[in-house]
Amino acid sequence: MSCFLLFKALVLITLGRNDFVNNYYLVPNSTRSRQFTLPNYVCYLISKCRKNLMLQRLYKLGARRVFVTGTGPMGCVPAEHAMRSKNRECAAELLQDQRRRFHGPFTWL
């Protein structure tokens, strides 16, 4: 029954947003931000996505309609908005720049 449901379902997967916001920017001096420069962190994330067998596992379980996206706009997620915005405006060009860096190499999917 669960395989049938997965076969009929549209599986949505979004990659990258939590990796950047929660693991790189949100916590000052986070482990990842100390370990990697931003360009190297993008390469690291892409390599982790390539090695991840999640899509193959979903296929073996019966999923046939899988929609994978990269990050959406990130500057206005609540935590980043609270930490980085000035005058309660969404001002996070740095986050949008790293999102664009991630999307270039991400198109291999």
PDB file of N, CA and C in Angstrom:
ATOM      1  N   MET A   1       0.821  -1.196   0.000  1.00  0.00           N
ATOM      2  CA  MET A   1       0.000   0.000   0.000  1.00  0.00           C
ATOM      3  C   MET A   1       0.868   1.264   0.000  1.00  0.00           C
ATOM      4  N   SER A   2       1.914   1.308   0.836  1.00  0.00           N
ATOM      5  CA  SER A   2       2.753   2.506   0.886  1.00  0.00           C
ATOM      6  C   SER A   2       3.507   2.702  -0.423  1.00  0.00           C
ATOM      7  N   CYS A   3       3.925   1.618  -1.080  1.00  0.00           N
ATOM      8  CA  CYS A   3       4.602   1.742  -2.374  1.00  0.00           C
ATOM      9  C   CYS A   3       3.657   2.328  -3.414  1.00  0.00           C
ATOM     10  N   PHE A   4       2.389   1.912  -3.364  1.00  0.00           N
ATOM     11  CA  PHE A   4       1.396   2.444  -4.288  1.00  0.00           C
ATOM     12  C   PHE A   4       1.201   3.941  -4.055  1.00  0.00           C
ATOM     13  N   LEU A   5       1.112   4.348  -2.797  1.00  0.00           N
ATOM     14  CA  LEU A   5       0.956   5.768  -2.484  1.00  0.00           C
ATOM     15  C   LEU A   5       2.158   6.574  -2.962  1.00  0.00           C
ATOM     16  N   LEU A   6       3.348   6.047  -2.763  1.00  0.00           N
ATOM     17  CA  LEU A   6       4.553   6.729  -3.205  1.00  0.00           C
ATOM     18  C   LEU A   6       4.597   6.812  -4.727  1.00  0.00           C
ATOM     19  N   PHE A   7       4.126   5.761  -5.394  1.00  0.00           N
ATOM     20  CA  PHE A   7       4.076   5.737  -6.856  1.00  0.00           C
ATOM     21  C   PHE A   7       3.160   6.842  -7.382  1.00  0.00           C
ATOM     22  N   LYS A   8       2.070   7.090  -6.697  1.00  0.00           N
ATOM     23  CA  LYS A   8       1.096   8.096  -7.123  1.00  0.00           C
ATOM     24  C   LYS A   8       1.466   9.513  -6.668  1.00  0.00           C
ATOM     25  N   ALA A   9       2.334   9.629  -5.684  1.00  0.00           N
ATOM     26  CA  ALA A   9       2.636  10.921  -5.060  1.00  0.00           C
ATOM     27  C   ALA A   9       3.581  11.764  -5.905  1.00  0.00           C
ATOM     28  N   LEU A  10       3.533  13.047  -5.660  1.00  0.00           N
ATOM     29  CA  LEU A  10       4.549  13.964  -6.155  1.00  0.00           C
ATOM     30  C   LEU A  10       5.434  14.292  -4.960  1.00  0.00           C
ATOM     31  N   VAL A  11       6.687  13.879  -5.015  1.00  0.00           N
ATOM     32  CA  VAL A  11       7.627  14.076  -3.913  1.00  0.00           C
ATOM     33  C   VAL A  11       8.387  15.378  -4.174  1.00  0.00           C
ATOM     34  N   LEU A  12       8.331  16.292  -3.226  1.00  0.00           N
ATOM     35  CA  LEU A  12       9.005  17.583  -3.349  1.00  0.00           C
ATOM     36  C   LEU A  12      10.204  17.629  -2.411  1.00  0.00           C
ATOM     37  N   ILE A  13      11.354  17.987  -2.950  1.00  0.00           N
ATOM     38  CA  ILE A  13      12.577  18.062  -2.159  1.00  0.00           C
ATOM     39  C   ILE A  13      13.226  19.419  -2.428  1.00  0.00           C
ATOM     40  N   THR A  14      13.540  20.141  -1.372  1.00  0.00           N
ATOM     41  CA  THR A  14      14.236  21.418  -1.493  1.00  0.00           C
ATOM     42  C   THR A  14      15.579  21.294  -0.789  1.00  0.00           C
ATOM     43  N   LEU A  15      16.628  21.607  -1.506  1.00  0.00           N
ATOM     44  CA  LEU A  15      17.982  21.470  -0.969  1.00  0.00           C
ATOM     45  C   LEU A  15      18.633  22.835  -0.766  1.00  0.00           C
ATOM     46  N   GLY A  16      19.397  22.953   0.281  1.00  0.00           N
ATOM     47  CA  GLY A  16      20.272  24.096   0.452  1.00  0.00           C
ATOM     48  C   GLY A  16      19.883  25.148   1.459  1.00  0.00           C
ATOM     49  N   ARG A  17      18.610  25.483   1.579  1.00  0.00           N
ATOM     50  CA  ARG A  17      18.225  26.618   2.426  1.00  0.00           C
ATOM     51  C   ARG A  17      18.681  26.434   3.868  1.00  0.00           C
ATOM     52  N   ASN A  18      18.319  25.341   4.499  1.00  0.00           N
ATOM     53  CA  ASN A  18      18.726  25.125   5.894  1.00  0.00           C
ATOM     54  C   ASN A  18      20.236  25.007   6.027  1.00  0.00           C
ATOM     55  N   ASP A  19      20.874  24.449   5.002  1.00  0.00           N
ATOM     56  CA  ASP A  19      22.331  24.325   5.054  1.00  0.00           C
ATOM     57  C   ASP A  19      22.995  25.689   5.160  1.00  0.00           C
ATOM     58  N   PHE A  20      22.525  26.634   4.370  1.00  0.00           N
ATOM     59  CA  PHE A  20      23.122  27.963   4.416  1.00  0.00           C
ATOM     60  C   PHE A  20      22.681  28.751   5.638  1.00  0.00           C
ATOM     61  N   VAL A  21      21.386  28.821   5.852  1.00  0.00           N
ATOM     62  CA  VAL A  21      20.879  29.682   6.920  1.00  0.00           C
ATOM     63  C   VAL A  21      21.238  29.132   8.292  1.00  0.00           C
ATOM     64  N   ASN A  22      20.892  27.896   8.556  1.00  0.00           N
ATOM     65  CA  ASN A  22      21.084  27.344   9.901  1.00  0.00           C
ATOM     66  C   ASN A  22      22.503  26.870  10.178  1.00  0.00           C
ATOM     67  N   ASN A  23      23.176  26.353   9.175  1.00  0.00           N
ATOM     68  CA  ASN A  23      24.492  25.759   9.417  1.00  0.00           C
ATOM     69  C   ASN A  23      25.664  26.662   9.064  1.00  0.00           C
ATOM     70  N   TYR A  24      25.427  27.739   8.337  1.00  0.00           N
ATOM     71  CA  TYR A  24      26.547  28.590   7.944  1.00  0.00           C
ATOM     72  C   TYR A  24      26.417  30.011   8.490  1.00  0.00           C
ATOM     73  N   TYR A  25      25.240  30.589   8.413  1.00  0.00           N
ATOM     74  CA  TYR A  25      25.082  31.997   8.769  1.00  0.00           C
ATOM     75  C   TYR A  25      24.456  32.268  10.126  1.00  0.00           C
ATOM     76  N   LEU A  26      23.489  31.489  10.528  1.00  0.00           N
ATOM     77  CA  LEU A  26      22.685  31.836  11.698  1.00  0.00           C
ATOM     78  C   LEU A  26      23.489  31.885  12.990  1.00  0.00           C
ATOM     79  N   VAL A  27      24.317  30.899  13.201  1.00  0.00           N
ATOM     80  CA  VAL A  27      25.115  30.836  14.427  1.00  0.00           C
ATOM     81  C   VAL A  27      26.452  31.531  14.167  1.00  0.00           C
ATOM     82  N   PRO A  28      26.743  32.610  14.903  1.00  0.00           N
ATOM     83  CA  PRO A  28      28.040  33.267  14.714  1.00  0.00           C
ATOM     84  C   PRO A  28      29.186  32.278  14.972  1.00  0.00           C
ATOM     85  N   ASN A  29      30.154  32.288  14.098  1.00  0.00           N
ATOM     86  CA  ASN A  29      31.301  31.380  14.194  1.00  0.00           C
ATOM     87  C   ASN A  29      30.879  29.915  14.219  1.00  0.00           C
ATOM     88  N   SER A  30      29.915  29.565  13.381  1.00  0.00           N
ATOM     89  CA  SER A  30      29.467  28.175  13.310  1.00  0.00           C
ATOM     90  C   SER A  30      30.607  27.284  12.829  1.00  0.00           C
ATOM     91  N   THR A  31      30.483  26.017  13.100  1.00  0.00           N
ATOM     92  CA  THR A  31      31.509  25.054  12.693  1.00  0.00           C
ATOM     93  C   THR A  31      31.750  25.126  11.196  1.00  0.00           C
ATOM     94  N   ARG A  32      30.676  25.142  10.406  1.00  0.00           N
ATOM     95  CA  ARG A  32      30.824  25.165   8.946  1.00  0.00           C
ATOM     96  C   ARG A  32      31.455  26.466   8.458  1.00  0.00           C
ATOM     97  N   SER A  33      31.093  27.592   9.054  1.00  0.00           N
ATOM     98  CA  SER A  33      31.672  28.855   8.587  1.00  0.00           C
ATOM     99  C   SER A  33      33.147  28.962   8.961  1.00  0.00           C
ATOM    100  N   ARG A  34      33.561  28.301  10.025  1.00  0.00           N
ATOM    101  CA  ARG A  34      34.990  28.256  10.371  1.00  0.00           C
ATOM    102  C   ARG A  34      35.726  27.242   9.505  1.00  0.00           C
ATOM    103  N   GLN A  35      35.035  26.203   9.115  1.00  0.00           N
ATOM    104  CA  GLN A  35      35.651  25.116   8.355  1.00  0.00           C
ATOM    105  C   GLN A  35      35.805  25.459   6.870  1.00  0.00           C
ATOM    106  N   PHE A  36      34.855  26.243   6.307  1.00  0.00           N
ATOM    107  CA  PHE A  36      34.832  26.503   4.866  1.00  0.00           C
ATOM    108  C   PHE A  36      34.675  27.985   4.573  1.00  0.00           C
ATOM    109  N   THR A  37      35.319  28.440   3.502  1.00  0.00           N
ATOM    110  CA  THR A  37      34.958  29.732   2.928  1.00  0.00           C
ATOM    111  C   THR A  37      33.624  29.511   2.213  1.00  0.00           C
ATOM    112  N   LEU A  38      32.945  30.587   1.855  1.00  0.00           N
ATOM    113  CA  LEU A  38      31.651  30.423   1.197  1.00  0.00           C
ATOM    114  C   LEU A  38      31.741  29.629  -0.109  1.00  0.00           C
ATOM    115  N   PRO A  39      32.674  29.948  -1.030  1.00  0.00           N
ATOM    116  CA  PRO A  39      32.759  29.143  -2.254  1.00  0.00           C
ATOM    117  C   PRO A  39      33.060  27.664  -1.965  1.00  0.00           C
ATOM    118  N   ASN A  40      33.917  27.399  -0.984  1.00  0.00           N
ATOM    119  CA  ASN A  40      34.216  26.006  -0.639  1.00  0.00           C
ATOM    120  C   ASN A  40      33.021  25.315   0.006  1.00  0.00           C
ATOM    121  N   TYR A  41      32.225  26.068   0.752  1.00  0.00           N
ATOM    122  CA  TYR A  41      31.025  25.487   1.357  1.00  0.00           C
ATOM    123  C   TYR A  41      30.008  25.115   0.280  1.00  0.00           C
ATOM    124  N   VAL A  42      29.890  25.959  -0.742  1.00  0.00           N
ATOM    125  CA  VAL A  42      29.006  25.629  -1.866  1.00  0.00           C
ATOM    126  C   VAL A  42      29.466  24.326  -2.514  1.00  0.00           C
ATOM    127  N   CYS A  43      30.758  24.189  -2.768  1.00  0.00           N
ATOM    128  CA  CYS A  43      31.293  22.952  -3.358  1.00  0.00           C
ATOM    129  C   CYS A  43      31.038  21.759  -2.447  1.00  0.00           C
ATOM    130  N   TYR A  44      31.207  21.957  -1.163  1.00  0.00           N
ATOM    131  CA  TYR A  44      30.948  20.892  -0.189  1.00  0.00           C
ATOM    132  C   TYR A  44      29.492  20.439  -0.256  1.00  0.00           C
ATOM    133  N   LEU A  45      28.557  21.391  -0.281  1.00  0.00           N
ATOM    134  CA  LEU A  45      27.136  21.030  -0.346  1.00  0.00           C
ATOM    135  C   LEU A  45      26.802  20.286  -1.633  1.00  0.00           C
ATOM    136  N   ILE A  46      27.348  20.759  -2.744  1.00  0.00           N
ATOM    137  CA  ILE A  46      27.091  20.085  -4.019  1.00  0.00           C
ATOM    138  C   ILE A  46      27.623  18.659  -3.978  1.00  0.00           C
ATOM    139  N   SER A  47      28.819  18.466  -3.426  1.00  0.00           N
ATOM    140  CA  SER A  47      29.375  17.106  -3.355  1.00  0.00           C
ATOM    141  C   SER A  47      28.530  16.213  -2.458  1.00  0.00           C
ATOM    142  N   LYS A  48      27.998  16.767  -1.352  1.00  0.00           N
ATOM    143  CA  LYS A  48      27.126  15.977  -0.473  1.00  0.00           C
ATOM    144  C   LYS A  48      25.846  15.576  -1.206  1.00  0.00           C
ATOM    145  N   CYS A  49      25.307  16.484  -2.010  1.00  0.00           N
ATOM    146  CA  CYS A  49      24.098  16.163  -2.775  1.00  0.00           C
ATOM    147  C   CYS A  49      24.375  15.062  -3.788  1.00  0.00           C
ATOM    148  N   ARG A  50      25.513  15.135  -4.435  1.00  0.00           N
ATOM    149  CA  ARG A  50      25.857  14.113  -5.430  1.00  0.00           C
ATOM    150  C   ARG A  50      26.031  12.744  -4.792  1.00  0.00           C
ATOM    151  N   LYS A  51      26.610  12.715  -3.598  1.00  0.00           N
ATOM    152  CA  LYS A  51      26.852  11.438  -2.926  1.00  0.00           C
ATOM    153  C   LYS A  51      25.605  10.876  -2.261  1.00  0.00           C
ATOM    154  N   ASN A  52      24.629  11.734  -2.022  1.00  0.00           N
ATOM    155  CA  ASN A  52      23.413  11.314  -1.323  1.00  0.00           C
ATOM    156  C   ASN A  52      22.609  10.371  -2.209  1.00  0.00           C
ATOM    157  N   LEU A  53      22.269   9.243  -1.681  1.00  0.00           N
ATOM    158  CA  LEU A  53      21.526   8.251  -2.445  1.00  0.00           C
ATOM    159  C   LEU A  53      20.019   8.377  -2.244  1.00  0.00           C
ATOM    160  N   MET A  54      19.580   9.506  -1.723  1.00  0.00           N
ATOM    161  CA  MET A  54      18.170   9.701  -1.419  1.00  0.00           C
ATOM    162  C   MET A  54      17.283   9.495  -2.649  1.00  0.00           C
ATOM    163  N   LEU A  55      17.658  10.060  -3.784  1.00  0.00           N
ATOM    164  CA  LEU A  55      16.824   9.927  -4.972  1.00  0.00           C
ATOM    165  C   LEU A  55      16.745   8.478  -5.442  1.00  0.00           C
ATOM    166  N   GLN A  56      17.866   7.764  -5.385  1.00  0.00           N
ATOM    167  CA  GLN A  56      17.841   6.355  -5.771  1.00  0.00           C
ATOM    168  C   GLN A  56      16.967   5.545  -4.821  1.00  0.00           C
ATOM    169  N   ARG A  57      17.040   5.854  -3.538  1.00  0.00           N
ATOM    170  CA  ARG A  57      16.208   5.143  -2.554  1.00  0.00           C
ATOM    171  C   ARG A  57      14.731   5.409  -2.790  1.00  0.00           C
ATOM    172  N   LEU A  58      14.389   6.655  -3.044  1.00  0.00           N
ATOM    173  CA  LEU A  58      12.992   6.983  -3.323  1.00  0.00           C
ATOM    174  C   LEU A  58      12.492   6.242  -4.558  1.00  0.00           C
ATOM    175  N   TYR A  59      13.327   6.164  -5.580  1.00  0.00           N
ATOM    176  CA  TYR A  59      12.943   5.451  -6.799  1.00  0.00           C
ATOM    177  C   TYR A  59      12.712   3.967  -6.510  1.00  0.00           C
ATOM    178  N   LYS A  60      13.611   3.368  -5.756  1.00  0.00           N
ATOM    179  CA  LYS A  60      13.460   1.948  -5.411  1.00  0.00           C
ATOM    180  C   LYS A  60      12.207   1.691  -4.585  1.00  0.00           C
ATOM    181  N   LEU A  61      11.792   2.693  -3.804  1.00  0.00           N
ATOM    182  CA  LEU A  61      10.576   2.559  -2.999  1.00  0.00           C
ATOM    183  C   LEU A  61       9.303   2.792  -3.809  1.00  0.00           C
ATOM    184  N   GLY A  62       9.458   3.246  -5.049  1.00  0.00           N
ATOM    185  CA  GLY A  62       8.286   3.422  -5.902  1.00  0.00           C
ATOM    186  C   GLY A  62       8.025   4.833  -6.376  1.00  0.00           C
ATOM    187  N   ALA A  63       8.763   5.808  -5.898  1.00  0.00           N
ATOM    188  CA  ALA A  63       8.537   7.197  -6.311  1.00  0.00           C
ATOM    189  C   ALA A  63       8.912   7.367  -7.778  1.00  0.00           C
ATOM    190  N   ARG A  64       8.009   7.959  -8.545  1.00  0.00           N
ATOM    191  CA  ARG A  64       8.278   8.197  -9.955  1.00  0.00           C
ATOM    192  C   ARG A  64       8.171   9.669 -10.332  1.00  0.00           C
ATOM    193  N   ARG A  65       7.566  10.454  -9.479  1.00  0.00           N
ATOM    194  CA  ARG A  65       7.436  11.887  -9.744  1.00  0.00           C
ATOM    195  C   ARG A  65       8.108  12.637  -8.604  1.00  0.00           C
ATOM    196  N   VAL A  66       9.354  13.019  -8.853  1.00  0.00           N
ATOM    197  CA  VAL A  66      10.153  13.693  -7.831  1.00  0.00           C
ATOM    198  C   VAL A  66      10.560  15.057  -8.382  1.00  0.00           C
ATOM    199  N   PHE A  67      10.293  16.081  -7.625  1.00  0.00           N
ATOM    200  CA  PHE A  67      10.618  17.451  -8.006  1.00  0.00           C
ATOM    201  C   PHE A  67      11.658  17.970  -7.024  1.00  0.00           C
ATOM    202  N   VAL A  68      12.861  18.248  -7.532  1.00  0.00           N
ATOM    203  CA  VAL A  68      13.960  18.711  -6.685  1.00  0.00           C
ATOM    204  C   VAL A  68      14.253  20.164  -7.028  1.00  0.00           C
ATOM    205  N   THR A  69      14.275  21.004  -6.006  1.00  0.00           N
ATOM    206  CA  THR A  69      14.625  22.407  -6.225  1.00  0.00           C
ATOM    207  C   THR A  69      15.804  22.767  -5.333  1.00  0.00           C
ATOM    208  N   GLY A  70      16.455  23.825  -5.701  1.00  0.00           N
ATOM    209  CA  GLY A  70      17.486  24.381  -4.839  1.00  0.00           C
ATOM    210  C   GLY A  70      16.833  25.360  -3.880  1.00  0.00           C
ATOM    211  N   THR A  71      17.586  26.268  -3.403  1.00  0.00           N
ATOM    212  CA  THR A  71      17.053  27.224  -2.435  1.00  0.00           C
ATOM    213  C   THR A  71      16.161  28.241  -3.122  1.00  0.00           C
ATOM    214  N   GLY A  72      15.189  28.722  -2.405  1.00  0.00           N
ATOM    215  CA  GLY A  72      14.409  29.867  -2.847  1.00  0.00           C
ATOM    216  C   GLY A  72      15.061  31.111  -2.281  1.00  0.00           C
ATOM    217  N   PRO A  73      14.387  32.253  -2.377  1.00  0.00           N
ATOM    218  CA  PRO A  73      14.937  33.451  -1.743  1.00  0.00           C
ATOM    219  C   PRO A  73      15.137  33.213  -0.251  1.00  0.00           C
ATOM    220  N   MET A  74      16.262  33.642   0.276  1.00  0.00           N
ATOM    221  CA  MET A  74      16.573  33.323   1.665  1.00  0.00           C
ATOM    222  C   MET A  74      16.664  34.528   2.581  1.00  0.00           C
ATOM    223  N   GLY A  75      16.714  35.707   2.054  1.00  0.00           N
ATOM    224  CA  GLY A  75      16.946  36.864   2.902  1.00  0.00           C
ATOM    225  C   GLY A  75      15.836  37.192   3.865  1.00  0.00           C
ATOM    226  N   CYS A  76      14.657  36.669   3.648  1.00  0.00           N
ATOM    227  CA  CYS A  76      13.530  37.040   4.502  1.00  0.00           C
ATOM    228  C   CYS A  76      13.033  35.898   5.371  1.00  0.00           C
ATOM    229  N   VAL A  77      13.788  34.825   5.507  1.00  0.00           N
ATOM    230  CA  VAL A  77      13.375  33.811   6.468  1.00  0.00           C
ATOM    231  C   VAL A  77      13.449  34.468   7.839  1.00  0.00           C
ATOM    232  N   PRO A  78      12.559  34.132   8.748  1.00  0.00           N
ATOM    233  CA  PRO A  78      12.445  34.884  10.000  1.00  0.00           C
ATOM    234  C   PRO A  78      13.749  35.083  10.769  1.00  0.00           C
ATOM    235  N   ALA A  79      14.543  34.047  10.917  1.00  0.00           N
ATOM    236  CA  ALA A  79      15.771  34.193  11.707  1.00  0.00           C
ATOM    237  C   ALA A  79      16.749  35.161  11.049  1.00  0.00           C
ATOM    238  N   GLU A  80      16.937  35.031   9.754  1.00  0.00           N
ATOM    239  CA  GLU A  80      17.855  35.928   9.056  1.00  0.00           C
ATOM    240  C   GLU A  80      17.303  37.347   9.023  1.00  0.00           C
ATOM    241  N   HIS A  81      16.019  37.461   8.835  1.00  0.00           N
ATOM    242  CA  HIS A  81      15.395  38.784   8.810  1.00  0.00           C
ATOM    243  C   HIS A  81      15.629  39.498  10.143  1.00  0.00           C
ATOM    244  N   ALA A  82      15.473  38.779  11.226  1.00  0.00           N
ATOM    245  CA  ALA A  82      15.660  39.369  12.557  1.00  0.00           C
ATOM    246  C   ALA A  82      17.110  39.756  12.803  1.00  0.00           C
ATOM    247  N   MET A  83      18.047  38.954  12.321  1.00  0.00           N
ATOM    248  CA  MET A  83      19.461  39.211  12.604  1.00  0.00           C
ATOM    249  C   MET A  83      20.092  40.236  11.669  1.00  0.00           C
ATOM    250  N   ARG A  84      19.694  40.238  10.397  1.00  0.00           N
ATOM    251  CA  ARG A  84      20.428  41.016   9.407  1.00  0.00           C
ATOM    252  C   ARG A  84      19.696  42.239   8.861  1.00  0.00           C
ATOM    253  N   SER A  85      18.401  42.326   9.035  1.00  0.00           N
ATOM    254  CA  SER A  85      17.673  43.425   8.410  1.00  0.00           C
ATOM    255  C   SER A  85      17.856  44.722   9.191  1.00  0.00           C
ATOM    256  N   LYS A  86      17.769  45.809   8.474  1.00  0.00           N
ATOM    257  CA  LYS A  86      17.844  47.134   9.081  1.00  0.00           C
ATOM    258  C   LYS A  86      16.484  47.790   8.898  1.00  0.00           C
ATOM    259  N   ASN A  87      16.005  48.443   9.903  1.00  0.00           N
ATOM    260  CA  ASN A  87      14.716  49.135   9.839  1.00  0.00           C
ATOM    261  C   ASN A  87      13.579  48.196   9.447  1.00  0.00           C
ATOM    262  N   ARG A  88      13.686  46.943   9.869  1.00  0.00           N
ATOM    263  CA  ARG A  88      12.661  45.923   9.617  1.00  0.00           C
ATOM    264  C   ARG A  88      12.433  45.659   8.136  1.00  0.00           C
ATOM    265  N   GLU A  89      13.430  45.923   7.332  1.00  0.00           N
ATOM    266  CA  GLU A  89      13.354  45.634   5.910  1.00  0.00           C
ATOM    267  C   GLU A  89      14.174  44.391   5.631  1.00  0.00           C
ATOM    268  N   CYS A  90      13.831  43.725   4.566  1.00  0.00           N
ATOM    269  CA  CYS A  90      14.587  42.536   4.185  1.00  0.00           C
ATOM    270  C   CYS A  90      15.807  42.985   3.385  1.00  0.00           C
ATOM    271  N   ALA A  91      16.977  42.881   3.975  1.00  0.00           N
ATOM    272  CA  ALA A  91      18.204  43.324   3.315  1.00  0.00           C
ATOM    273  C   ALA A  91      19.263  42.256   3.506  1.00  0.00           C
ATOM    274  N   ALA A  92      19.281  41.297   2.632  1.00  0.00           N
ATOM    275  CA  ALA A  92      20.232  40.197   2.784  1.00  0.00           C
ATOM    276  C   ALA A  92      20.852  39.842   1.440  1.00  0.00           C
ATOM    277  N   GLU A  93      21.536  40.797   0.837  1.00  0.00           N
ATOM    278  CA  GLU A  93      22.180  40.547  -0.450  1.00  0.00           C
ATOM    279  C   GLU A  93      23.218  39.435  -0.363  1.00  0.00           C
ATOM    280  N   LEU A  94      23.889  39.331   0.761  1.00  0.00           N
ATOM    281  CA  LEU A  94      24.882  38.274   0.938  1.00  0.00           C
ATOM    282  C   LEU A  94      24.246  36.902   0.760  1.00  0.00           C
ATOM    283  N   LEU A  95      23.082  36.707   1.358  1.00  0.00           N
ATOM    284  CA  LEU A  95      22.395  35.420   1.232  1.00  0.00           C
ATOM    285  C   LEU A  95      21.944  35.167  -0.196  1.00  0.00           C
ATOM    286  N   GLN A  96      21.470  36.189  -0.873  1.00  0.00           N
ATOM    287  CA  GLN A  96      21.033  36.005  -2.252  1.00  0.00           C
ATOM    288  C   GLN A  96      22.226  35.692  -3.150  1.00  0.00           C
ATOM    289  N   ASP A  97      23.365  36.295  -2.872  1.00  0.00           N
ATOM    290  CA  ASP A  97      24.568  36.018  -3.644  1.00  0.00           C
ATOM    291  C   ASP A  97      24.994  34.565  -3.485  1.00  0.00           C
ATOM    292  N   GLN A  98      25.013  34.057  -2.265  1.00  0.00           N
ATOM    293  CA  GLN A  98      25.410  32.660  -2.076  1.00  0.00           C
ATOM    294  C   GLN A  98      24.385  31.719  -2.661  1.00  0.00           C
ATOM    295  N   ARG A  99      23.105  32.095  -2.676  1.00  0.00           N
ATOM    296  CA  ARG A  99      22.080  31.270  -3.306  1.00  0.00           C
ATOM    297  C   ARG A  99      22.375  31.137  -4.799  1.00  0.00           C
ATOM    298  N   ARG A 100      22.754  32.238  -5.436  1.00  0.00           N
ATOM    299  CA  ARG A 100      23.085  32.189  -6.864  1.00  0.00           C
ATOM    300  C   ARG A 100      24.316  31.313  -7.105  1.00  0.00           C
ATOM    301  N   ARG A 101      25.288  31.362  -6.202  1.00  0.00           N
ATOM    302  CA  ARG A 101      26.476  30.510  -6.329  1.00  0.00           C
ATOM    303  C   ARG A 101      26.105  29.033  -6.261  1.00  0.00           C
ATOM    304  N   PHE A 102      25.151  28.714  -5.401  1.00  0.00           N
ATOM    305  CA  PHE A 102      24.718  27.335  -5.214  1.00  0.00           C
ATOM    306  C   PHE A 102      23.962  26.829  -6.431  1.00  0.00           C
ATOM    307  N   HIS A 103      23.138  27.672  -7.043  1.00  0.00           N
ATOM    308  CA  HIS A 103      22.294  27.227  -8.142  1.00  0.00           C
ATOM    309  C   HIS A 103      23.071  26.907  -9.400  1.00  0.00           C
ATOM    310  N   GLY A 104      24.182  27.589  -9.655  1.00  0.00           N
ATOM    311  CA  GLY A 104      24.966  27.282 -10.847  1.00  0.00           C
ATOM    312  C   GLY A 104      25.395  25.822 -10.890  1.00  0.00           C
ATOM    313  N   PRO A 105      26.182  25.362  -9.930  1.00  0.00           N
ATOM    314  CA  PRO A 105      26.622  23.962  -9.925  1.00  0.00           C
ATOM    315  C   PRO A 105      25.497  22.974  -9.623  1.00  0.00           C
ATOM    316  N   PHE A 106      24.394  23.445  -9.037  1.00  0.00           N
ATOM    317  CA  PHE A 106      23.306  22.562  -8.630  1.00  0.00           C
ATOM    318  C   PHE A 106      22.523  22.016  -9.815  1.00  0.00           C
ATOM    319  N   THR A 107      22.636  22.622 -10.988  1.00  0.00           N
ATOM    320  CA  THR A 107      21.815  22.227 -12.130  1.00  0.00           C
ATOM    321  C   THR A 107      22.125  20.834 -12.656  1.00  0.00           C
ATOM    322  N   TRP A 108      23.138  20.181 -12.146  1.00  0.00           N
ATOM    323  CA  TRP A 108      23.446  18.809 -12.592  1.00  0.00           C
ATOM    324  C   TRP A 108      22.289  17.858 -12.338  1.00  0.00           C
ATOM    325  N   LEU A 109      21.432  18.141 -11.363  1.00  0.00           N
ATOM    326  CA  LEU A 109      20.283  17.278 -11.098  1.00  0.00           C
ATOM    327  C   LEU A 109      19.292  17.378 -12.223  1.00  0.00           C
TER     328      LEU A 109
END
